Amino acid sequence: MSDAKVAVVDRTGTMDHFNVEVVSGMFEGKNLLDRHRMIYQALDEPMKDGRIHAVELQAKTPDET
């Protein structure tokens, strides 16, 4: 998502549990599940290899911020 603004917070200090907020115009017209799928696609590799153990997502359009 080329226009995405991303904020990441390490929830536990272990660098593998994160809160991630993504704001992108590409979320326009998409439901929450589709938005999360888009983010999970971007996080696929670090989730599969264990660098990310848990992630809590917020996916918003610029108008929703």
PDB file of N, CA and C in Angstrom:
ATOM      1  N   MET A   1       0.849  -1.159   0.000  1.00  0.00           N
ATOM      2  CA  MET A   1       0.000   0.000   0.000  1.00  0.00           C
ATOM      3  C   MET A   1       0.902   1.231   0.000  1.00  0.00           C
ATOM      4  N   SER A   2       1.049   1.824  -1.140  1.00  0.00           N
ATOM      5  CA  SER A   2       2.019   2.894  -1.298  1.00  0.00           C
ATOM      6  C   SER A   2       1.671   4.155  -0.509  1.00  0.00           C
ATOM      7  N   ASP A   3       0.402   4.388  -0.228  1.00  0.00           N
ATOM      8  CA  ASP A   3       0.022   5.606   0.490  1.00  0.00           C
ATOM      9  C   ASP A   3      -0.141   5.387   1.986  1.00  0.00           C
ATOM     10  N   ALA A   4       0.158   4.205   2.463  1.00  0.00           N
ATOM     11  CA  ALA A   4      -0.128   3.855   3.857  1.00  0.00           C
ATOM     12  C   ALA A   4       0.732   4.631   4.837  1.00  0.00           C
ATOM     13  N   LYS A   5       0.066   5.064   5.900  1.00  0.00           N
ATOM     14  CA  LYS A   5       0.764   5.607   7.061  1.00  0.00           C
ATOM     15  C   LYS A   5       0.631   4.553   8.149  1.00  0.00           C
ATOM     16  N   VAL A   6       1.759   4.128   8.690  1.00  0.00           N
ATOM     17  CA  VAL A   6       1.785   3.003   9.613  1.00  0.00           C
ATOM     18  C   VAL A   6       2.388   3.430  10.945  1.00  0.00           C
ATOM     19  N   ALA A   7       1.713   3.054  12.027  1.00  0.00           N
ATOM     20  CA  ALA A   7       2.227   3.266  13.378  1.00  0.00           C
ATOM     21  C   ALA A   7       2.290   1.902  14.060  1.00  0.00           C
ATOM     22  N   VAL A   8       3.436   1.594  14.641  1.00  0.00           N
ATOM     23  CA  VAL A   8       3.644   0.293  15.277  1.00  0.00           C
ATOM     24  C   VAL A   8       4.066   0.515  16.726  1.00  0.00           C
ATOM     25  N   VAL A   9       3.426  -0.221  17.632  1.00  0.00           N
ATOM     26  CA  VAL A   9       3.781  -0.175  19.050  1.00  0.00           C
ATOM     27  C   VAL A   9       4.099  -1.593  19.498  1.00  0.00           C
ATOM     28  N   ASP A  10       5.253  -1.753  20.127  1.00  0.00           N
ATOM     29  CA  ASP A  10       5.652  -3.033  20.715  1.00  0.00           C
ATOM     30  C   ASP A  10       4.904  -3.169  22.037  1.00  0.00           C
ATOM     31  N   ARG A  11       3.954  -4.083  22.097  1.00  0.00           N
ATOM     32  CA  ARG A  11       3.057  -4.179  23.256  1.00  0.00           C
ATOM     33  C   ARG A  11       3.738  -4.722  24.505  1.00  0.00           C
ATOM     34  N   THR A  12       4.735  -5.576  24.334  1.00  0.00           N
ATOM     35  CA  THR A  12       5.289  -6.275  25.499  1.00  0.00           C
ATOM     36  C   THR A  12       6.773  -6.010  25.724  1.00  0.00           C
ATOM     37  N   GLY A  13       7.428  -5.341  24.798  1.00  0.00           N
ATOM     38  CA  GLY A  13       8.862  -5.133  24.904  1.00  0.00           C
ATOM     39  C   GLY A  13       9.684  -6.297  24.397  1.00  0.00           C
ATOM     40  N   THR A  14       9.026  -7.296  23.838  1.00  0.00           N
ATOM     41  CA  THR A  14       9.728  -8.483  23.338  1.00  0.00           C
ATOM     42  C   THR A  14       9.916  -8.448  21.829  1.00  0.00           C
ATOM     43  N   MET A  15       9.414  -7.381  21.177  1.00  0.00           N
ATOM     44  CA  MET A  15       9.541  -7.204  19.729  1.00  0.00           C
ATOM     45  C   MET A  15       8.865  -8.311  18.910  1.00  0.00           C
ATOM     46  N   ASP A  16       7.840  -8.943  19.490  1.00  0.00           N
ATOM     47  CA  ASP A  16       7.086  -9.912  18.693  1.00  0.00           C
ATOM     48  C   ASP A  16       5.569  -9.821  18.927  1.00  0.00           C
ATOM     49  N   HIS A  17       5.131  -8.875  19.758  1.00  0.00           N
ATOM     50  CA  HIS A  17       3.713  -8.611  19.985  1.00  0.00           C
ATOM     51  C   HIS A  17       3.481  -7.125  19.689  1.00  0.00           C
ATOM     52  N   PHE A  18       2.645  -6.847  18.691  1.00  0.00           N
ATOM     53  CA  PHE A  18       2.537  -5.468  18.226  1.00  0.00           C
ATOM     54  C   PHE A  18       1.089  -4.997  18.104  1.00  0.00           C
ATOM     55  N   ASN A  19       0.905  -3.708  18.289  1.00  0.00           N
ATOM     56  CA  ASN A  19      -0.302  -3.000  17.847  1.00  0.00           C
ATOM     57  C   ASN A  19       0.107  -2.273  16.584  1.00  0.00           C
ATOM     58  N   VAL A  20      -0.654  -2.459  15.518  1.00  0.00           N
ATOM     59  CA  VAL A  20      -0.331  -1.830  14.238  1.00  0.00           C
ATOM     60  C   VAL A  20      -1.547  -1.060  13.758  1.00  0.00           C
ATOM     61  N   GLU A  21      -1.348   0.224  13.485  1.00  0.00           N
ATOM     62  CA  GLU A  21      -2.406   1.052  12.895  1.00  0.00           C
ATOM     63  C   GLU A  21      -1.966   1.437  11.488  1.00  0.00           C
ATOM     64  N   VAL A  22      -2.816   1.141  10.511  1.00  0.00           N
ATOM     65  CA  VAL A  22      -2.532   1.477   9.122  1.00  0.00           C
ATOM     66  C   VAL A  22      -3.649   2.374   8.612  1.00  0.00           C
ATOM     67  N   VAL A  23      -3.264   3.504   8.050  1.00  0.00           N
ATOM     68  CA  VAL A  23      -4.216   4.426   7.433  1.00  0.00           C
ATOM     69  C   VAL A  23      -3.888   4.485   5.953  1.00  0.00           C
ATOM     70  N   SER A  24      -4.884   4.159   5.131  1.00  0.00           N
ATOM     71  CA  SER A  24      -4.654   4.124   3.679  1.00  0.00           C
ATOM     72  C   SER A  24      -5.947   4.382   2.925  1.00  0.00           C
ATOM     73  N   GLY A  25      -5.827   5.109   1.845  1.00  0.00           N
ATOM     74  CA  GLY A  25      -6.965   5.315   0.961  1.00  0.00           C
ATOM     75  C   GLY A  25      -7.379   4.042   0.244  1.00  0.00           C
ATOM     76  N   MET A  26      -6.479   3.055   0.217  1.00  0.00           N
ATOM     77  CA  MET A  26      -6.798   1.783  -0.433  1.00  0.00           C
ATOM     78  C   MET A  26      -7.841   0.987   0.356  1.00  0.00           C
ATOM     79  N   PHE A  27      -8.137   1.393   1.588  1.00  0.00           N
ATOM     80  CA  PHE A  27      -9.174   0.737   2.379  1.00  0.00           C
ATOM     81  C   PHE A  27     -10.574   1.231   2.028  1.00  0.00           C
ATOM     82  N   GLU A  28     -10.652   2.301   1.230  1.00  0.00           N
ATOM     83  CA  GLU A  28     -11.964   2.850   0.861  1.00  0.00           C
ATOM     84  C   GLU A  28     -12.832   1.768   0.225  1.00  0.00           C
ATOM     85  N   GLY A  29     -14.058   1.614   0.706  1.00  0.00           N
ATOM     86  CA  GLY A  29     -15.005   0.670   0.150  1.00  0.00           C
ATOM     87  C   GLY A  29     -14.780  -0.779   0.554  1.00  0.00           C
ATOM     88  N   LYS A  30     -13.785  -1.009   1.412  1.00  0.00           N
ATOM     89  CA  LYS A  30     -13.504  -2.388   1.855  1.00  0.00           C
ATOM     90  C   LYS A  30     -13.993  -2.565   3.292  1.00  0.00           C
ATOM     91  N   ASN A  31     -14.504  -3.763   3.572  1.00  0.00           N
ATOM     92  CA  ASN A  31     -14.935  -4.034   4.944  1.00  0.00           C
ATOM     93  C   ASN A  31     -13.723  -4.361   5.812  1.00  0.00           C
ATOM     94  N   LEU A  32     -13.949  -4.476   7.110  1.00  0.00           N
ATOM     95  CA  LEU A  32     -12.860  -4.674   8.061  1.00  0.00           C
ATOM     96  C   LEU A  32     -12.065  -5.938   7.768  1.00  0.00           C
ATOM     97  N   LEU A  33     -12.745  -7.020   7.434  1.00  0.00           N
ATOM     98  CA  LEU A  33     -12.061  -8.288   7.148  1.00  0.00           C
ATOM     99  C   LEU A  33     -11.133  -8.146   5.946  1.00  0.00           C
ATOM    100  N   ASP A  34     -11.601  -7.509   4.896  1.00  0.00           N
ATOM    101  CA  ASP A  34     -10.759  -7.307   3.712  1.00  0.00           C
ATOM    102  C   ASP A  34      -9.569  -6.403   4.023  1.00  0.00           C
ATOM    103  N   ARG A  35      -9.783  -5.405   4.848  1.00  0.00           N
ATOM    104  CA  ARG A  35      -8.682  -4.520   5.243  1.00  0.00           C
ATOM    105  C   ARG A  35      -7.618  -5.304   6.002  1.00  0.00           C
ATOM    106  N   HIS A  36      -8.073  -6.132   6.927  1.00  0.00           N
ATOM    107  CA  HIS A  36      -7.108  -6.930   7.699  1.00  0.00           C
ATOM    108  C   HIS A  36      -6.385  -7.921   6.802  1.00  0.00           C
ATOM    109  N   ARG A  37      -7.080  -8.497   5.844  1.00  0.00           N
ATOM    110  CA  ARG A  37      -6.414  -9.413   4.906  1.00  0.00           C
ATOM    111  C   ARG A  37      -5.293  -8.706   4.151  1.00  0.00           C
ATOM    112  N   MET A  38      -5.540  -7.471   3.751  1.00  0.00           N
ATOM    113  CA  MET A  38      -4.514  -6.702   3.033  1.00  0.00           C
ATOM    114  C   MET A  38      -3.276  -6.512   3.911  1.00  0.00           C
ATOM    115  N   ILE A  39      -3.493  -6.226   5.178  1.00  0.00           N
ATOM    116  CA  ILE A  39      -2.357  -6.028   6.084  1.00  0.00           C
ATOM    117  C   ILE A  39      -1.653  -7.355   6.341  1.00  0.00           C
ATOM    118  N   TYR A  40      -2.423  -8.403   6.572  1.00  0.00           N
ATOM    119  CA  TYR A  40      -1.805  -9.710   6.829  1.00  0.00           C
ATOM    120  C   TYR A  40      -0.971 -10.176   5.632  1.00  0.00           C
ATOM    121  N   GLN A  41      -1.374  -9.828   4.422  1.00  0.00           N
ATOM    122  CA  GLN A  41      -0.559 -10.179   3.254  1.00  0.00           C
ATOM    123  C   GLN A  41       0.808  -9.521   3.347  1.00  0.00           C
ATOM    124  N   ALA A  42       0.840  -8.277   3.790  1.00  0.00           N
ATOM    125  CA  ALA A  42       2.111  -7.568   3.922  1.00  0.00           C
ATOM    126  C   ALA A  42       2.961  -8.146   5.050  1.00  0.00           C
ATOM    127  N   LEU A  43       2.320  -8.730   6.056  1.00  0.00           N
ATOM    128  CA  LEU A  43       3.029  -9.278   7.211  1.00  0.00           C
ATOM    129  C   LEU A  43       3.248 -10.779   7.102  1.00  0.00           C
ATOM    130  N   ASP A  44       2.945 -11.357   5.968  1.00  0.00           N
ATOM    131  CA  ASP A  44       2.965 -12.810   5.811  1.00  0.00           C
ATOM    132  C   ASP A  44       4.304 -13.428   6.218  1.00  0.00           C
ATOM    133  N   GLU A  45       5.393 -12.943   5.673  1.00  0.00           N
ATOM    134  CA  GLU A  45       6.689 -13.564   5.936  1.00  0.00           C
ATOM    135  C   GLU A  45       7.104 -13.478   7.412  1.00  0.00           C
ATOM    136  N   PRO A  46       7.067 -12.296   8.048  1.00  0.00           N
ATOM    137  CA  PRO A  46       7.484 -12.272   9.458  1.00  0.00           C
ATOM    138  C   PRO A  46       6.530 -13.016  10.388  1.00  0.00           C
ATOM    139  N   MET A  47       5.271 -13.212   9.984  1.00  0.00           N
ATOM    140  CA  MET A  47       4.372 -14.013  10.812  1.00  0.00           C
ATOM    141  C   MET A  47       4.673 -15.490  10.647  1.00  0.00           C
ATOM    142  N   LYS A  48       5.012 -15.910   9.442  1.00  0.00           N
ATOM    143  CA  LYS A  48       5.322 -17.319   9.215  1.00  0.00           C
ATOM    144  C   LYS A  48       6.634 -17.733   9.865  1.00  0.00           C
ATOM    145  N   ASP A  49       7.631 -16.832   9.844  1.00  0.00           N
ATOM    146  CA  ASP A  49       8.921 -17.232  10.418  1.00  0.00           C
ATOM    147  C   ASP A  49       9.024 -16.927  11.912  1.00  0.00           C
ATOM    148  N   GLY A  50       7.964 -16.395  12.514  1.00  0.00           N
ATOM    149  CA  GLY A  50       7.918 -16.223  13.953  1.00  0.00           C
ATOM    150  C   GLY A  50       8.415 -14.886  14.466  1.00  0.00           C
ATOM    151  N   ARG A  51       8.861 -13.994  13.573  1.00  0.00           N
ATOM    152  CA  ARG A  51       9.281 -12.677  14.062  1.00  0.00           C
ATOM    153  C   ARG A  51       8.123 -11.923  14.672  1.00  0.00           C
ATOM    154  N   ILE A  52       6.919 -12.152  14.163  1.00  0.00           N
ATOM    155  CA  ILE A  52       5.711 -11.587  14.755  1.00  0.00           C
ATOM    156  C   ILE A  52       4.893 -12.736  15.320  1.00  0.00           C
ATOM    157  N   HIS A  53       4.676 -12.682  16.630  1.00  0.00           N
ATOM    158  CA  HIS A  53       3.887 -13.727  17.282  1.00  0.00           C
ATOM    159  C   HIS A  53       2.419 -13.318  17.368  1.00  0.00           C
ATOM    160  N   ALA A  54       2.173 -12.060  17.670  1.00  0.00           N
ATOM    161  CA  ALA A  54       0.796 -11.577  17.813  1.00  0.00           C
ATOM    162  C   ALA A  54       0.720 -10.143  17.323  1.00  0.00           C
ATOM    163  N   VAL A  55      -0.401  -9.826  16.688  1.00  0.00           N
ATOM    164  CA  VAL A  55      -0.583  -8.473  16.191  1.00  0.00           C
ATOM    165  C   VAL A  55      -2.049  -8.081  16.340  1.00  0.00           C
ATOM    166  N   GLU A  56      -2.246  -6.856  16.825  1.00  0.00           N
ATOM    167  CA  GLU A  56      -3.584  -6.280  16.914  1.00  0.00           C
ATOM    168  C   GLU A  56      -3.637  -5.175  15.877  1.00  0.00           C
ATOM    169  N   LEU A  57      -4.641  -5.227  14.999  1.00  0.00           N
ATOM    170  CA  LEU A  57      -4.692  -4.321  13.849  1.00  0.00           C
ATOM    171  C   LEU A  57      -5.783  -3.268  13.989  1.00  0.00           C
ATOM    172  N   GLN A  58      -5.469  -2.088  13.480  1.00  0.00           N
ATOM    173  CA  GLN A  58      -6.463  -1.060  13.218  1.00  0.00           C
ATOM    174  C   GLN A  58      -6.228  -0.626  11.779  1.00  0.00           C
ATOM    175  N   ALA A  59      -7.264  -0.675  10.977  1.00  0.00           N
ATOM    176  CA  ALA A  59      -7.154  -0.319   9.557  1.00  0.00           C
ATOM    177  C   ALA A  59      -8.196   0.752   9.259  1.00  0.00           C
ATOM    178  N   LYS A  60      -7.717   1.940   8.915  1.00  0.00           N
ATOM    179  CA  LYS A  60      -8.621   3.071   8.720  1.00  0.00           C
ATOM    180  C   LYS A  60      -8.334   3.752   7.395  1.00  0.00           C
ATOM    181  N   THR A  61      -9.348   4.406   6.886  1.00  0.00           N
ATOM    182  CA  THR A  61      -9.147   5.291   5.743  1.00  0.00           C
ATOM    183  C   THR A  61      -8.749   6.660   6.286  1.00  0.00           C
ATOM    184  N   PRO A  62      -8.188   7.529   5.465  1.00  0.00           N
ATOM    185  CA  PRO A  62      -7.847   8.875   5.951  1.00  0.00           C
ATOM    186  C   PRO A  62      -9.064   9.611   6.517  1.00  0.00           C
ATOM    187  N   ASP A  63     -10.250   9.374   5.964  1.00  0.00           N
ATOM    188  CA  ASP A  63     -11.458  10.035   6.459  1.00  0.00           C
ATOM    189  C   ASP A  63     -11.895   9.513   7.821  1.00  0.00           C
ATOM    190  N   GLU A  64     -11.435   8.350   8.222  1.00  0.00           N
ATOM    191  CA  GLU A  64     -11.829   7.747   9.500  1.00  0.00           C
ATOM    192  C   GLU A  64     -10.880   8.127  10.642  1.00  0.00           C
ATOM    193  N   THR A  65      -9.842   8.873  10.339  1.00  0.00           N
ATOM    194  CA  THR A  65      -8.892   9.236  11.413  1.00  0.00           C
ATOM    195  C   THR A  65      -9.282  10.527  12.084  1.00  0.00           C
TER     196      THR A  65
END
